[in-house]
Amino acid sequence: MTRLNLILFFTLIATALGVVTSQHKSRKLYFELEQQQELAKKYETEFGQLQLEQSTWAMHSRVEELAAKKLNMQVPDAKRIQVISLEELKQ
């Protein structure tokens, strides 16, 4: 009977230590998960801001203005524009 009690006691201690260790790891991993989710939210915000900035830099009016001012380019007259179809290029 005493031997059985000792075996059960040590089993109980080992199980309790396992539960404590498991809870500690669980809390640690949950904390890491929260940090990573917060970081992901920051990256999503930054990505949205970068997309907005990219669309602003690539606006047609801005590109046309820079082409006219810095490169001295002009939109050609309608008489000087020629449209070439793909079929003509293939031949």
PDB file of N, CA and C in Angstrom:
ATOM      1  N   MET A   1       0.814  -1.182   0.000  1.00  0.00           N
ATOM      2  CA  MET A   1       0.000   0.000   0.000  1.00  0.00           C
ATOM      3  C   MET A   1       0.871   1.265   0.000  1.00  0.00           C
ATOM      4  N   THR A   2       1.920   1.259   0.802  1.00  0.00           N
ATOM      5  CA  THR A   2       2.810   2.406   0.871  1.00  0.00           C
ATOM      6  C   THR A   2       3.527   2.602  -0.456  1.00  0.00           C
ATOM      7  N   ARG A   3       3.902   1.503  -1.051  1.00  0.00           N
ATOM      8  CA  ARG A   3       4.603   1.574  -2.336  1.00  0.00           C
ATOM      9  C   ARG A   3       3.682   2.181  -3.399  1.00  0.00           C
ATOM     10  N   LEU A   4       2.428   1.762  -3.428  1.00  0.00           N
ATOM     11  CA  LEU A   4       1.448   2.291  -4.376  1.00  0.00           C
ATOM     12  C   LEU A   4       1.231   3.783  -4.137  1.00  0.00           C
ATOM     13  N   ASN A   5       1.160   4.200  -2.873  1.00  0.00           N
ATOM     14  CA  ASN A   5       0.995   5.617  -2.550  1.00  0.00           C
ATOM     15  C   ASN A   5       2.179   6.444  -3.040  1.00  0.00           C
ATOM     16  N   LEU A   6       3.402   5.915  -2.869  1.00  0.00           N
ATOM     17  CA  LEU A   6       4.589   6.632  -3.353  1.00  0.00           C
ATOM     18  C   LEU A   6       4.591   6.764  -4.870  1.00  0.00           C
ATOM     19  N   ILE A   7       4.195   5.697  -5.534  1.00  0.00           N
ATOM     20  CA  ILE A   7       4.140   5.736  -7.001  1.00  0.00           C
ATOM     21  C   ILE A   7       3.102   6.760  -7.453  1.00  0.00           C
ATOM     22  N   LEU A   8       1.947   6.745  -6.827  1.00  0.00           N
ATOM     23  CA  LEU A   8       0.903   7.707  -7.170  1.00  0.00           C
ATOM     24  C   LEU A   8       1.333   9.143  -6.837  1.00  0.00           C
ATOM     25  N   PHE A   9       2.028   9.315  -5.721  1.00  0.00           N
ATOM     26  CA  PHE A   9       2.506  10.633  -5.318  1.00  0.00           C
ATOM     27  C   PHE A   9       3.494  11.194  -6.335  1.00  0.00           C
ATOM     28  N   PHE A  10       4.463  10.375  -6.752  1.00  0.00           N
ATOM     29  CA  PHE A  10       5.456  10.841  -7.717  1.00  0.00           C
ATOM     30  C   PHE A  10       4.819  11.071  -9.096  1.00  0.00           C
ATOM     31  N   THR A  11       3.850  10.256  -9.427  1.00  0.00           N
ATOM     32  CA  THR A  11       3.117  10.458 -10.681  1.00  0.00           C
ATOM     33  C   THR A  11       2.365  11.792 -10.632  1.00  0.00           C
ATOM     34  N   LEU A  12       1.741  12.055  -9.475  1.00  0.00           N
ATOM     35  CA  LEU A  12       1.035  13.320  -9.291  1.00  0.00           C
ATOM     36  C   LEU A  12       1.977  14.512  -9.405  1.00  0.00           C
ATOM     37  N   ILE A  13       3.151  14.433  -8.792  1.00  0.00           N
ATOM     38  CA  ILE A  13       4.148  15.511  -8.862  1.00  0.00           C
ATOM     39  C   ILE A  13       4.598  15.718 -10.308  1.00  0.00           C
ATOM     40  N   ALA A  14       4.906  14.629 -11.003  1.00  0.00           N
ATOM     41  CA  ALA A  14       5.353  14.732 -12.393  1.00  0.00           C
ATOM     42  C   ALA A  14       4.262  15.348 -13.274  1.00  0.00           C
ATOM     43  N   THR A  15       3.020  14.952 -13.051  1.00  0.00           N
ATOM     44  CA  THR A  15       1.908  15.501 -13.827  1.00  0.00           C
ATOM     45  C   THR A  15       1.728  16.985 -13.531  1.00  0.00           C
ATOM     46  N   ALA A  16       1.824  17.358 -12.271  1.00  0.00           N
ATOM     47  CA  ALA A  16       1.688  18.766 -11.894  1.00  0.00           C
ATOM     48  C   ALA A  16       2.788  19.607 -12.529  1.00  0.00           C
ATOM     49  N   LEU A  17       4.017  19.103 -12.519  1.00  0.00           N
ATOM     50  CA  LEU A  17       5.122  19.818 -13.165  1.00  0.00           C
ATOM     51  C   LEU A  17       4.893  19.933 -14.670  1.00  0.00           C
ATOM     52  N   GLY A  18       4.357  18.891 -15.259  1.00  0.00           N
ATOM     53  CA  GLY A  18       4.044  18.931 -16.688  1.00  0.00           C
ATOM     54  C   GLY A  18       2.983  19.962 -17.006  1.00  0.00           C
ATOM     55  N   VAL A  19       1.966  20.056 -16.144  1.00  0.00           N
ATOM     56  CA  VAL A  19       0.909  21.051 -16.351  1.00  0.00           C
ATOM     57  C   VAL A  19       1.473  22.463 -16.226  1.00  0.00           C
ATOM     58  N   VAL A  20       2.297  22.698 -15.219  1.00  0.00           N
ATOM     59  CA  VAL A  20       2.890  24.026 -15.020  1.00  0.00           C
ATOM     60  C   VAL A  20       3.766  24.398 -16.214  1.00  0.00           C
ATOM     61  N   THR A  21       4.585  23.460 -16.653  1.00  0.00           N
ATOM     62  CA  THR A  21       5.449  23.711 -17.815  1.00  0.00           C
ATOM     63  C   THR A  21       4.610  23.992 -19.060  1.00  0.00           C
ATOM     64  N   SER A  22       3.566  23.213 -19.249  1.00  0.00           N
ATOM     65  CA  SER A  22       2.695  23.394 -20.401  1.00  0.00           C
ATOM     66  C   SER A  22       2.010  24.757 -20.365  1.00  0.00           C
ATOM     67  N   GLN A  23       1.524  25.168 -19.221  1.00  0.00           N
ATOM     68  CA  GLN A  23       0.885  26.482 -19.101  1.00  0.00           C
ATOM     69  C   GLN A  23       1.877  27.607 -19.373  1.00  0.00           C
ATOM     70  N   HIS A  24       3.090  27.448 -18.880  1.00  0.00           N
ATOM     71  CA  HIS A  24       4.114  28.472 -19.112  1.00  0.00           C
ATOM     72  C   HIS A  24       4.417  28.606 -20.601  1.00  0.00           C
ATOM     73  N   LYS A  25       4.585  27.479 -21.273  1.00  0.00           N
ATOM     74  CA  LYS A  25       4.848  27.511 -22.715  1.00  0.00           C
ATOM     75  C   LYS A  25       3.665  28.107 -23.468  1.00  0.00           C
ATOM     76  N   SER A  26       2.470  27.752 -23.033  1.00  0.00           N
ATOM     77  CA  SER A  26       1.267  28.271 -23.680  1.00  0.00           C
ATOM     78  C   SER A  26       1.192  29.786 -23.545  1.00  0.00           C
ATOM     79  N   ARG A  27       1.444  30.319 -22.372  1.00  0.00           N
ATOM     80  CA  ARG A  27       1.411  31.769 -22.172  1.00  0.00           C
ATOM     81  C   ARG A  27       2.496  32.458 -22.990  1.00  0.00           C
ATOM     82  N   LYS A  28       3.662  31.840 -23.026  1.00  0.00           N
ATOM     83  CA  LYS A  28       4.773  32.415 -23.792  1.00  0.00           C
ATOM     84  C   LYS A  28       4.425  32.476 -25.285  1.00  0.00           C
ATOM     85  N   LEU A  29       3.873  31.381 -25.808  1.00  0.00           N
ATOM     86  CA  LEU A  29       3.504  31.340 -27.222  1.00  0.00           C
ATOM     87  C   LEU A  29       2.354  32.305 -27.519  1.00  0.00           C
ATOM     88  N   TYR A  30       1.412  32.441 -26.596  1.00  0.00           N
ATOM     89  CA  TYR A  30       0.313  33.382 -26.795  1.00  0.00           C
ATOM     90  C   TYR A  30       0.833  34.813 -26.850  1.00  0.00           C
ATOM     91  N   PHE A  31       1.789  35.132 -25.976  1.00  0.00           N
ATOM     92  CA  PHE A  31       2.396  36.462 -25.981  1.00  0.00           C
ATOM     93  C   PHE A  31       3.100  36.721 -27.310  1.00  0.00           C
ATOM     94  N   GLU A  32       3.824  35.724 -27.813  1.00  0.00           N
ATOM     95  CA  GLU A  32       4.487  35.867 -29.119  1.00  0.00           C
ATOM     96  C   GLU A  32       3.466  36.051 -30.231  1.00  0.00           C
ATOM     97  N   LEU A  33       2.364  35.306 -30.148  1.00  0.00           N
ATOM     98  CA  LEU A  33       1.307  35.429 -31.155  1.00  0.00           C
ATOM     99  C   LEU A  33       0.736  36.842 -31.162  1.00  0.00           C
ATOM    100  N   GLU A  34       0.472  37.391 -30.001  1.00  0.00           N
ATOM    101  CA  GLU A  34      -0.038  38.758 -29.914  1.00  0.00           C
ATOM    102  C   GLU A  34       0.945  39.756 -30.515  1.00  0.00           C
ATOM    103  N   GLN A  35       2.221  39.576 -30.235  1.00  0.00           N
ATOM    104  CA  GLN A  35       3.240  40.477 -30.795  1.00  0.00           C
ATOM    105  C   GLN A  35       3.267  40.382 -32.315  1.00  0.00           C
ATOM    106  N   GLN A  36       3.198  39.168 -32.837  1.00  0.00           N
ATOM    107  CA  GLN A  36       3.251  38.984 -34.289  1.00  0.00           C
ATOM    108  C   GLN A  36       2.000  39.544 -34.956  1.00  0.00           C
ATOM    109  N   GLN A  37       0.850  39.414 -34.313  1.00  0.00           N
ATOM    110  CA  GLN A  37      -0.374  39.985 -34.874  1.00  0.00           C
ATOM    111  C   GLN A  37      -0.303  41.507 -34.886  1.00  0.00           C
ATOM    112  N   GLU A  38       0.258  42.084 -33.843  1.00  0.00           N
ATOM    113  CA  GLU A  38       0.424  43.537 -33.799  1.00  0.00           C
ATOM    114  C   GLU A  38       1.381  43.998 -34.898  1.00  0.00           C
ATOM    115  N   LEU A  39       2.457  43.247 -35.087  1.00  0.00           N
ATOM    116  CA  LEU A  39       3.416  43.565 -36.147  1.00  0.00           C
ATOM    117  C   LEU A  39       2.761  43.436 -37.523  1.00  0.00           C
ATOM    118  N   ALA A  40       1.923  42.418 -37.693  1.00  0.00           N
ATOM    119  CA  ALA A  40       1.228  42.244 -38.971  1.00  0.00           C
ATOM    120  C   ALA A  40       0.297  43.414 -39.246  1.00  0.00           C
ATOM    121  N   LYS A  41      -0.378  43.918 -38.213  1.00  0.00           N
ATOM    122  CA  LYS A  41      -1.253  45.080 -38.392  1.00  0.00           C
ATOM    123  C   LYS A  41      -0.445  46.303 -38.816  1.00  0.00           C
ATOM    124  N   LYS A  42       0.732  46.485 -38.212  1.00  0.00           N
ATOM    125  CA  LYS A  42       1.585  47.611 -38.586  1.00  0.00           C
ATOM    126  C   LYS A  42       2.033  47.490 -40.038  1.00  0.00           C
ATOM    127  N   TYR A  43       2.406  46.263 -40.444  1.00  0.00           N
ATOM    128  CA  TYR A  43       2.835  46.058 -41.830  1.00  0.00           C
ATOM    129  C   TYR A  43       1.682  46.295 -42.804  1.00  0.00           C
ATOM    130  N   GLU A  44       0.467  45.883 -42.436  1.00  0.00           N
ATOM    131  CA  GLU A  44      -0.680  46.118 -43.309  1.00  0.00           C
ATOM    132  C   GLU A  44      -0.934  47.614 -43.464  1.00  0.00           C
ATOM    133  N   THR A  45      -0.813  48.360 -42.370  1.00  0.00           N
ATOM    134  CA  THR A  45      -0.996  49.814 -42.434  1.00  0.00           C
ATOM    135  C   THR A  45       0.073  50.447 -43.319  1.00  0.00           C
ATOM    136  N   GLU A  46       1.317  50.024 -43.122  1.00  0.00           N
ATOM    137  CA  GLU A  46       2.408  50.573 -43.930  1.00  0.00           C
ATOM    138  C   GLU A  46       2.230  50.214 -45.404  1.00  0.00           C
ATOM    139  N   PHE A  47       1.770  48.989 -45.680  1.00  0.00           N
ATOM    140  CA  PHE A  47       1.552  48.572 -47.057  1.00  0.00           C
ATOM    141  C   PHE A  47       0.468  49.427 -47.708  1.00  0.00           C
ATOM    142  N   GLY A  48      -0.601  49.705 -46.972  1.00  0.00           N
ATOM    143  CA  GLY A  48      -1.659  50.566 -47.501  1.00  0.00           C
ATOM    144  C   GLY A  48      -1.154  51.965 -47.797  1.00  0.00           C
ATOM    145  N   GLN A  49      -0.328  52.487 -46.900  1.00  0.00           N
ATOM    146  CA  GLN A  49       0.239  53.818 -47.123  1.00  0.00           C
ATOM    147  C   GLN A  49       1.161  53.828 -48.340  1.00  0.00           C
ATOM    148  N   LEU A  50       1.940  52.765 -48.505  1.00  0.00           N
ATOM    149  CA  LEU A  50       2.836  52.690 -49.663  1.00  0.00           C
ATOM    150  C   LEU A  50       2.050  52.563 -50.964  1.00  0.00           C
ATOM    151  N   GLN A  51       0.958  51.818 -50.940  1.00  0.00           N
ATOM    152  CA  GLN A  51       0.132  51.716 -52.142  1.00  0.00           C
ATOM    153  C   GLN A  51      -0.464  53.068 -52.503  1.00  0.00           C
ATOM    154  N   LEU A  52      -0.912  53.800 -51.498  1.00  0.00           N
ATOM    155  CA  LEU A  52      -1.456  55.131 -51.739  1.00  0.00           C
ATOM    156  C   LEU A  52      -0.388  56.057 -52.302  1.00  0.00           C
ATOM    157  N   GLU A  53       0.798  55.992 -51.730  1.00  0.00           N
ATOM    158  CA  GLU A  53       1.901  56.822 -52.221  1.00  0.00           C
ATOM    159  C   GLU A  53       2.264  56.459 -53.653  1.00  0.00           C
ATOM    160  N   GLN A  54       2.280  55.159 -53.935  1.00  0.00           N
ATOM    161  CA  GLN A  54       2.617  54.724 -55.295  1.00  0.00           C
ATOM    162  C   GLN A  54       1.574  55.213 -56.293  1.00  0.00           C
ATOM    163  N   SER A  55       0.310  55.130 -55.929  1.00  0.00           N
ATOM    164  CA  SER A  55      -0.725  55.601 -56.853  1.00  0.00           C
ATOM    165  C   SER A  55      -0.635  57.112 -57.051  1.00  0.00           C
ATOM    166  N   THR A  56      -0.215  57.827 -56.009  1.00  0.00           N
ATOM    167  CA  THR A  56      -0.056  59.274 -56.137  1.00  0.00           C
ATOM    168  C   THR A  56       1.092  59.605 -57.082  1.00  0.00           C
ATOM    169  N   TRP A  57       2.208  58.918 -56.933  1.00  0.00           N
ATOM    170  CA  TRP A  57       3.365  59.187 -57.795  1.00  0.00           C
ATOM    171  C   TRP A  57       3.098  58.800 -59.251  1.00  0.00           C
ATOM    172  N   ALA A  58       2.232  57.827 -59.465  1.00  0.00           N
ATOM    173  CA  ALA A  58       2.000  57.338 -60.825  1.00  0.00           C
ATOM    174  C   ALA A  58       0.774  57.958 -61.484  1.00  0.00           C
ATOM    175  N   MET A  59       0.199  58.981 -60.879  1.00  0.00           N
ATOM    176  CA  MET A  59      -0.982  59.619 -61.477  1.00  0.00           C
ATOM    177  C   MET A  59      -0.628  60.172 -62.853  1.00  0.00           C
ATOM    178  N   HIS A  60      -1.575  60.035 -63.761  1.00  0.00           N
ATOM    179  CA  HIS A  60      -1.345  60.466 -65.148  1.00  0.00           C
ATOM    180  C   HIS A  60      -1.008  61.955 -65.224  1.00  0.00           C
ATOM    181  N   SER A  61      -1.718  62.754 -64.450  1.00  0.00           N
ATOM    182  CA  SER A  61      -1.476  64.200 -64.512  1.00  0.00           C
ATOM    183  C   SER A  61      -0.073  64.548 -64.025  1.00  0.00           C
ATOM    184  N   ARG A  62       0.406  63.837 -63.004  1.00  0.00           N
ATOM    185  CA  ARG A  62       1.750  64.103 -62.489  1.00  0.00           C
ATOM    186  C   ARG A  62       2.810  63.687 -63.502  1.00  0.00           C
ATOM    187  N   VAL A  63       2.615  62.512 -64.104  1.00  0.00           N
ATOM    188  CA  VAL A  63       3.572  62.034 -65.107  1.00  0.00           C
ATOM    189  C   VAL A  63       3.604  62.980 -66.302  1.00  0.00           C
ATOM    190  N   GLU A  64       2.434  63.434 -66.719  1.00  0.00           N
ATOM    191  CA  GLU A  64       2.371  64.360 -67.853  1.00  0.00           C
ATOM    192  C   GLU A  64       3.040  65.689 -67.509  1.00  0.00           C
ATOM    193  N   GLU A  65       2.838  66.174 -66.300  1.00  0.00           N
ATOM    194  CA  GLU A  65       3.455  67.435 -65.876  1.00  0.00           C
ATOM    195  C   GLU A  65       4.975  67.318 -65.833  1.00  0.00           C
ATOM    196  N   LEU A  66       5.478  66.217 -65.288  1.00  0.00           N
ATOM    197  CA  LEU A  66       6.937  66.023 -65.232  1.00  0.00           C
ATOM    198  C   LEU A  66       7.528  65.884 -66.638  1.00  0.00           C
ATOM    199  N   ALA A  67       6.814  65.182 -67.512  1.00  0.00           N
ATOM    200  CA  ALA A  67       7.299  65.022 -68.882  1.00  0.00           C
ATOM    201  C   ALA A  67       7.379  66.374 -69.578  1.00  0.00           C
ATOM    202  N   ALA A  68       6.405  67.232 -69.326  1.00  0.00           N
ATOM    203  CA  ALA A  68       6.408  68.544 -69.976  1.00  0.00           C
ATOM    204  C   ALA A  68       7.482  69.454 -69.391  1.00  0.00           C
ATOM    205  N   LYS A  69       7.626  69.463 -68.078  1.00  0.00           N
ATOM    206  CA  LYS A  69       8.565  70.397 -67.447  1.00  0.00           C
ATOM    207  C   LYS A  69      10.018  69.925 -67.531  1.00  0.00           C
ATOM    208  N   LYS A  70      10.275  68.705 -67.129  1.00  0.00           N
ATOM    209  CA  LYS A  70      11.669  68.257 -67.034  1.00  0.00           C
ATOM    210  C   LYS A  70      12.223  67.717 -68.342  1.00  0.00           C
ATOM    211  N   LEU A  71      11.369  67.098 -69.135  1.00  0.00           N
ATOM    212  CA  LEU A  71      11.858  66.484 -70.366  1.00  0.00           C
ATOM    213  C   LEU A  71      11.459  67.253 -71.626  1.00  0.00           C
ATOM    214  N   ASN A  72      10.740  68.349 -71.433  1.00  0.00           N
ATOM    215  CA  ASN A  72      10.285  69.176 -72.559  1.00  0.00           C
ATOM    216  C   ASN A  72       9.501  68.365 -73.593  1.00  0.00           C
ATOM    217  N   MET A  73       8.673  67.479 -73.117  1.00  0.00           N
ATOM    218  CA  MET A  73       7.849  66.659 -74.017  1.00  0.00           C
ATOM    219  C   MET A  73       6.488  67.320 -74.189  1.00  0.00           C
ATOM    220  N   GLN A  74       5.849  67.039 -75.312  1.00  0.00           N
ATOM    221  CA  GLN A  74       4.526  67.595 -75.601  1.00  0.00           C
ATOM    222  C   GLN A  74       3.648  66.486 -76.160  1.00  0.00           C
ATOM    223  N   VAL A  75       2.345  66.659 -75.956  1.00  0.00           N
ATOM    224  CA  VAL A  75       1.395  65.732 -76.568  1.00  0.00           C
ATOM    225  C   VAL A  75       1.312  66.089 -78.040  1.00  0.00           C
ATOM    226  N   PRO A  76       1.512  65.132 -78.947  1.00  0.00           N
ATOM    227  CA  PRO A  76       1.487  65.451 -80.384  1.00  0.00           C
ATOM    228  C   PRO A  76       0.073  65.803 -80.849  1.00  0.00           C
ATOM    229  N   ASP A  77       0.033  66.531 -81.949  1.00  0.00           N
ATOM    230  CA  ASP A  77      -1.255  66.869 -82.569  1.00  0.00           C
ATOM    231  C   ASP A  77      -1.921  65.590 -83.043  1.00  0.00           C
ATOM    232  N   ALA A  78      -3.237  65.652 -83.171  1.00  0.00           N
ATOM    233  CA  ALA A  78      -3.992  64.475 -83.633  1.00  0.00           C
ATOM    234  C   ALA A  78      -3.580  64.081 -85.050  1.00  0.00           C
ATOM    235  N   LYS A  79      -3.132  65.043 -85.860  1.00  0.00           N
ATOM    236  CA  LYS A  79      -2.708  64.753 -87.238  1.00  0.00           C
ATOM    237  C   LYS A  79      -1.439  63.916 -87.262  1.00  0.00           C
ATOM    238  N   ARG A  80      -0.614  64.066 -86.227  1.00  0.00           N
ATOM    239  CA  ARG A  80       0.688  63.398 -86.223  1.00  0.00           C
ATOM    240  C   ARG A  80       0.661  62.027 -85.548  1.00  0.00           C
ATOM    241  N   ILE A  81      -0.490  61.626 -85.038  1.00  0.00           N
ATOM    242  CA  ILE A  81      -0.600  60.331 -84.352  1.00  0.00           C
ATOM    243  C   ILE A  81      -0.990  59.267 -85.362  1.00  0.00           C
ATOM    244  N   GLN A  82      -0.258  58.160 -85.359  1.00  0.00           N
ATOM    245  CA  GLN A  82      -0.558  57.038 -86.243  1.00  0.00           C
ATOM    246  C   GLN A  82      -0.848  55.812 -85.376  1.00  0.00           C
ATOM    247  N   VAL A  83      -1.922  55.123 -85.679  1.00  0.00           N
ATOM    248  CA  VAL A  83      -2.308  53.908 -84.968  1.00  0.00           C
ATOM    249  C   VAL A  83      -1.919  52.723 -85.820  1.00  0.00           C
ATOM    250  N   ILE A  84      -1.159  51.817 -85.247  1.00  0.00           N
ATOM    251  CA  ILE A  84      -0.693  50.637 -85.971  1.00  0.00           C
ATOM    252  C   ILE A  84      -1.315  49.420 -85.306  1.00  0.00           C
ATOM    253  N   SER A  85      -1.978  48.596 -86.081  1.00  0.00           N
ATOM    254  CA  SER A  85      -2.615  47.403 -85.517  1.00  0.00           C
ATOM    255  C   SER A  85      -1.590  46.276 -85.409  1.00  0.00           C
ATOM    256  N   LEU A  86      -1.894  45.304 -84.581  1.00  0.00           N
ATOM    257  CA  LEU A  86      -0.989  44.184 -84.385  1.00  0.00           C
ATOM    258  C   LEU A  86      -0.839  43.319 -85.642  1.00  0.00           C
ATOM    259  N   GLU A  87      -1.896  43.241 -86.415  1.00  0.00           N
ATOM    260  CA  GLU A  87      -1.838  42.428 -87.641  1.00  0.00           C
ATOM    261  C   GLU A  87      -0.800  42.993 -88.629  1.00  0.00           C
ATOM    262  N   GLU A  88      -0.673  44.306 -88.672  1.00  0.00           N
ATOM    263  CA  GLU A  88       0.292  44.923 -89.559  1.00  0.00           C
ATOM    264  C   GLU A  88       1.719  44.638 -89.084  1.00  0.00           C
ATOM    265  N   LEU A  89       1.915  44.542 -87.786  1.00  0.00           N
ATOM    266  CA  LEU A  89       3.242  44.266 -87.252  1.00  0.00           C
ATOM    267  C   LEU A  89       3.666  42.823 -87.498  1.00  0.00           C
ATOM    268  N   LYS A  90       2.716  41.919 -87.487  1.00  0.00           N
ATOM    269  CA  LYS A  90       3.032  40.492 -87.670  1.00  0.00           C
ATOM    270  C   LYS A  90       3.475  40.178 -89.100  1.00  0.00           C
ATOM    271  N   GLN A  91       3.054  40.966 -90.036  1.00  0.00           N
ATOM    272  CA  GLN A  91       3.372  40.672 -91.439  1.00  0.00           C
ATOM    273  C   GLN A  91       4.732  41.136 -91.828  1.00  0.00           C
TER     274      GLN A  91
END
